Amino acid sequence: MAEFAVIGLGRFGRAVALNLVAHGQGVLAVDIDPERLARVAEEVDATAVADTTDEDAVDALGLERVACTVVAIGSRATEASVLTTAILAQKEVPRIVARAFDERHGRLLLAVGAHEVLNPENEIGRRLALHLAHPGIRDSIGAGRTTVAEVEAPEALAGRLLADLEPRRRGVTVLALLREGGAETDLDPETMTIESGDRLVLLGPSEALQEIAALL
């Protein structure tokens, strides 16, 4: 049995399914439209044509044996995504990750049993805005006021110690230093020297990471 099931093979669902495959994961692709499934049939482990708003159809899929099910049903069928999520929760599917299109939709998905809700459009917008406002921040994942971000090491600090960034004073933890040839994770800020082109993986308040990026 595949480790993941992806329900809804529109652009987003297809991207999730194919990227899971690229990471070596087994995927069951599910959609009501056979043409959509045909586009990924040669890439995924299995496909199933099913209307997941029908309890009997969901029963036949056996998703309670799948580690994680992604509900990626498109924006034109928000009711179907909520009903599908509710049925999956009723069937005690181990982990349900559902795509939301706005806050109300996200609340409904959580209320009917989704374990995790994501809004890819909002996340892309947030990351793009952060990068445009602070070009030194290459990528980031936010959770409330705390962010994990990959930040270009400030050129002004090239040749100086990592400690000169004063990470502790800023409430920031340096998780890794990335440079050509690999990553350093066993870091001593008092001895590690920053080189031009280094990138830092930082954990801390968003404002503090923006401060560091502004040193560029």
Protein backbone atom coordinates (compact mmCIF):
# COMPACT_ATOMS: atom_id res chain seq x y z
CA MET A 1 0.00 0.00 0.00
CA ALA A 2 1.25 3.51 -0.84
CA GLU A 3 2.43 5.73 2.01
CA PHE A 4 0.49 8.74 0.70
CA ALA A 5 -2.83 9.35 -1.01
CA VAL A 6 -3.52 12.57 -2.91
CA ILE A 7 -7.18 13.36 -3.60
CA GLY A 8 -7.71 15.90 -6.37
CA LEU A 9 -5.23 15.93 -9.25
CA GLY A 10 -5.48 19.53 -10.39
CA ARG A 11 -2.26 21.52 -10.70
CA PHE A 12 -1.66 21.62 -6.96
CA GLY A 13 -2.54 17.99 -6.30
CA ARG A 14 -0.47 16.83 -9.27
CA ALA A 15 2.52 18.83 -8.01
CA VAL A 16 2.19 17.29 -4.54
CA ALA A 17 1.90 13.76 -5.94
CA LEU A 18 4.84 14.06 -8.32
CA ASN A 19 7.08 15.70 -5.73
CA LEU A 20 6.31 12.93 -3.24
CA VAL A 21 7.32 10.42 -5.91
CA ALA A 22 10.51 12.39 -6.54
CA HIS A 23 11.30 12.01 -2.83
CA GLY A 24 10.92 8.26 -3.07
CA GLN A 25 7.43 8.00 -1.56
CA GLY A 26 4.65 5.70 -2.73
CA VAL A 27 1.55 7.59 -3.90
CA LEU A 28 -2.06 6.64 -4.59
CA ALA A 29 -3.64 9.32 -6.79
CA VAL A 30 -7.42 9.75 -6.53
CA ASP A 31 -9.72 11.89 -8.66
CA ILE A 32 -13.24 11.83 -10.04
CA ASP A 33 -11.86 12.69 -13.50
CA PRO A 34 -10.03 9.82 -15.30
CA GLU A 35 -8.26 12.28 -17.63
CA ARG A 36 -6.50 13.94 -14.71
CA LEU A 37 -5.36 10.59 -13.39
CA ALA A 38 -4.05 9.61 -16.82
CA ARG A 39 -1.54 12.49 -16.62
CA VAL A 40 0.18 10.95 -13.58
CA ALA A 41 -0.59 7.26 -14.04
CA GLU A 42 2.92 6.38 -15.22
CA GLU A 43 4.56 8.22 -12.31
CA VAL A 44 2.59 7.17 -9.24
CA ASP A 45 2.15 3.73 -7.68
CA ALA A 46 -1.59 3.53 -8.26
CA THR A 47 -4.59 5.58 -9.36
CA ALA A 48 -8.27 5.34 -8.47
CA VAL A 49 -11.28 7.01 -10.04
CA ALA A 50 -13.56 7.86 -7.13
CA ASP A 51 -16.08 10.39 -5.88
CA THR A 52 -14.72 10.93 -2.38
CA THR A 53 -17.94 12.60 -1.22
CA ASP A 54 -19.43 9.08 -1.34
CA GLU A 55 -18.74 7.02 1.79
CA ASP A 56 -18.83 3.71 -0.07
CA ALA A 57 -16.26 5.00 -2.58
CA VAL A 58 -13.97 6.09 0.27
CA ASP A 59 -14.38 2.71 1.97
CA ALA A 60 -13.21 0.99 -1.21
CA LEU A 61 -9.99 3.02 -1.23
CA GLY A 62 -8.81 1.71 2.14
CA LEU A 63 -7.26 5.04 3.14
CA GLU A 64 -7.18 4.06 6.81
CA ARG A 65 -4.07 2.04 5.84
CA VAL A 66 -2.32 5.05 4.29
CA ALA A 67 0.03 7.09 6.49
CA CYS A 68 -1.15 10.47 5.15
CA THR A 69 -3.95 11.62 2.86
CA VAL A 70 -3.78 15.02 1.16
CA VAL A 71 -7.12 16.58 0.21
CA ALA A 72 -6.12 18.79 -2.74
CA ILE A 73 -9.57 19.28 -4.27
CA GLY A 74 -9.78 22.52 -6.27
CA SER A 75 -11.39 25.84 -5.37
CA ARG A 76 -14.47 25.19 -7.50
CA ALA A 77 -15.44 22.32 -5.20
CA THR A 78 -14.95 23.64 -1.67
CA GLU A 79 -18.01 21.79 -0.41
CA ALA A 80 -16.59 18.56 -1.81
CA SER A 81 -13.30 19.16 0.00
CA VAL A 82 -15.09 19.71 3.32
CA LEU A 83 -17.32 16.65 2.88
CA THR A 84 -14.36 14.51 1.78
CA THR A 85 -12.36 15.62 4.82
CA ALA A 86 -15.30 14.84 7.12
CA ILE A 87 -15.68 11.35 5.68
CA LEU A 88 -11.92 10.67 5.99
CA ALA A 89 -12.03 11.76 9.65
CA GLN A 90 -15.05 9.53 10.26
CA LYS A 91 -13.11 6.61 8.75
CA GLU A 92 -10.21 7.41 11.15
CA VAL A 93 -7.68 8.06 8.41
CA PRO A 94 -4.39 8.50 10.34
CA ARG A 95 -3.37 11.93 9.01
CA ILE A 96 -5.41 14.32 6.90
CA VAL A 97 -3.77 17.38 5.31
CA ALA A 98 -6.30 19.58 3.52
CA ARG A 99 -5.91 22.53 1.19
CA ALA A 100 -7.85 25.66 2.18
CA PHE A 101 -8.69 28.69 0.05
CA ASP A 102 -9.46 31.21 2.78
CA GLU A 103 -9.68 31.41 6.56
CA ARG A 104 -13.34 30.36 6.70
CA HIS A 105 -12.69 27.31 4.56
CA GLY A 106 -9.69 26.43 6.72
CA ARG A 107 -11.75 26.65 9.91
CA LEU A 108 -14.38 24.36 8.40
CA LEU A 109 -11.76 21.82 7.39
CA LEU A 110 -10.30 21.77 10.90
CA ALA A 111 -13.77 21.56 12.43
CA VAL A 112 -14.68 18.45 10.43
CA GLY A 113 -11.45 16.64 11.22
CA ALA A 114 -8.44 17.81 9.19
CA HIS A 115 -5.23 17.40 11.18
CA GLU A 116 -3.45 20.12 9.21
CA VAL A 117 -4.66 22.85 6.86
CA LEU A 118 -2.55 24.76 4.38
CA ASN A 119 -3.18 27.61 2.00
CA PRO A 120 -0.48 27.49 -0.69
CA GLU A 121 -1.50 30.80 -2.27
CA ASN A 122 -1.14 32.65 1.05
CA GLU A 123 2.17 30.94 1.78
CA ILE A 124 3.61 31.80 -1.64
CA GLY A 125 2.44 35.39 -1.24
CA ARG A 126 3.97 35.65 2.24
CA ARG A 127 7.31 34.24 1.11
CA LEU A 128 7.46 36.42 -2.00
CA ALA A 129 6.62 39.58 -0.05
CA LEU A 130 9.26 38.73 2.57
CA HIS A 131 11.90 38.14 -0.11
CA LEU A 132 11.01 41.34 -1.98
CA ALA A 133 11.13 43.41 1.21
CA HIS A 134 14.27 41.65 2.49
CA PRO A 135 16.27 40.28 -0.49
CA GLY A 136 18.81 38.64 1.84
CA ILE A 137 16.18 36.15 3.00
CA ARG A 138 16.25 33.40 0.37
CA ASP A 139 13.56 31.13 1.82
CA SER A 140 11.50 30.84 4.99
CA ILE A 141 8.89 28.86 6.84
CA GLY A 142 6.80 30.75 9.36
CA ALA A 143 4.83 29.59 12.39
CA GLY A 144 3.25 32.57 14.13
CA ARG A 145 5.96 35.03 15.14
CA THR A 146 8.72 32.42 14.82
CA THR A 147 10.41 31.75 11.49
CA VAL A 148 13.00 29.36 10.10
CA ALA A 149 14.79 31.14 7.27
CA GLU A 150 17.76 30.73 4.99
CA VAL A 151 19.59 34.06 5.00
CA GLU A 152 22.58 35.18 2.99
CA ALA A 153 25.41 35.93 5.39
CA PRO A 154 25.95 39.71 5.49
CA GLU A 155 28.95 40.70 3.37
CA ALA A 156 29.81 43.24 6.05
CA LEU A 157 30.64 40.32 8.36
CA ALA A 158 32.78 38.31 5.92
CA GLY A 159 35.94 37.27 7.72
CA ARG A 160 34.41 37.90 11.14
CA LEU A 161 33.04 35.50 13.73
CA LEU A 162 29.50 34.21 13.71
CA ALA A 163 29.22 35.61 17.23
CA ASP A 164 29.47 39.13 15.76
CA LEU A 165 25.88 38.66 14.53
CA GLU A 166 24.94 38.57 18.23
CA PRO A 167 22.38 35.81 17.67
CA ARG A 168 21.62 35.27 21.38
CA ARG A 169 20.92 38.94 21.97
CA ARG A 170 18.53 38.91 19.04
CA GLY A 171 16.82 35.72 20.27
CA VAL A 172 18.04 33.80 17.21
CA THR A 173 19.43 30.27 17.00
CA VAL A 174 21.86 29.43 14.18
CA LEU A 175 20.80 25.95 13.02
CA ALA A 176 23.31 25.53 10.20
CA LEU A 177 25.86 27.31 8.05
CA LEU A 178 25.71 26.42 4.34
CA ARG A 179 28.70 26.88 2.11
CA GLU A 180 30.08 25.30 -1.03
CA GLY A 181 30.96 21.73 -0.21
CA GLY A 182 28.38 21.09 2.48
CA ALA A 183 26.66 22.21 5.65
CA GLU A 184 28.05 22.87 9.12
CA THR A 185 25.65 22.08 11.95
CA ASP A 186 28.02 21.76 14.91
CA LEU A 187 28.57 25.48 15.29
CA ASP A 188 30.50 27.45 17.88
CA PRO A 189 29.78 31.13 17.19
CA GLU A 190 32.96 32.10 19.04
CA THR A 191 35.21 30.19 16.60
CA MET A 192 33.21 29.88 13.35
CA THR A 193 34.25 32.46 10.77
CA ILE A 194 31.77 33.75 8.20
CA GLU A 195 32.94 33.61 4.59
CA SER A 196 31.62 35.50 1.59
CA GLY A 197 28.79 33.51 -0.01
CA ASP A 198 27.83 31.66 3.17
CA ARG A 199 24.16 31.13 3.94
CA LEU A 200 22.76 30.78 7.43
CA VAL A 201 19.75 28.74 8.50
CA LEU A 202 18.26 30.71 11.39
CA LEU A 203 15.42 30.15 13.85
CA GLY A 204 13.90 33.07 15.69
CA PRO A 205 11.46 35.98 15.68
CA SER A 206 10.68 37.20 12.18
CA GLU A 207 11.70 40.75 13.10
CA ALA A 208 15.15 39.59 14.27
CA LEU A 209 15.79 37.66 11.06
CA GLN A 210 14.79 40.71 9.04
CA GLU A 211 17.27 42.76 11.10
CA ILE A 212 20.06 40.35 10.20
CA ALA A 213 19.09 40.33 6.51
CA ALA A 214 19.15 44.14 6.57
CA LEU A 215 22.87 44.06 7.44
CA LEU A 216 23.61 43.10 3.82
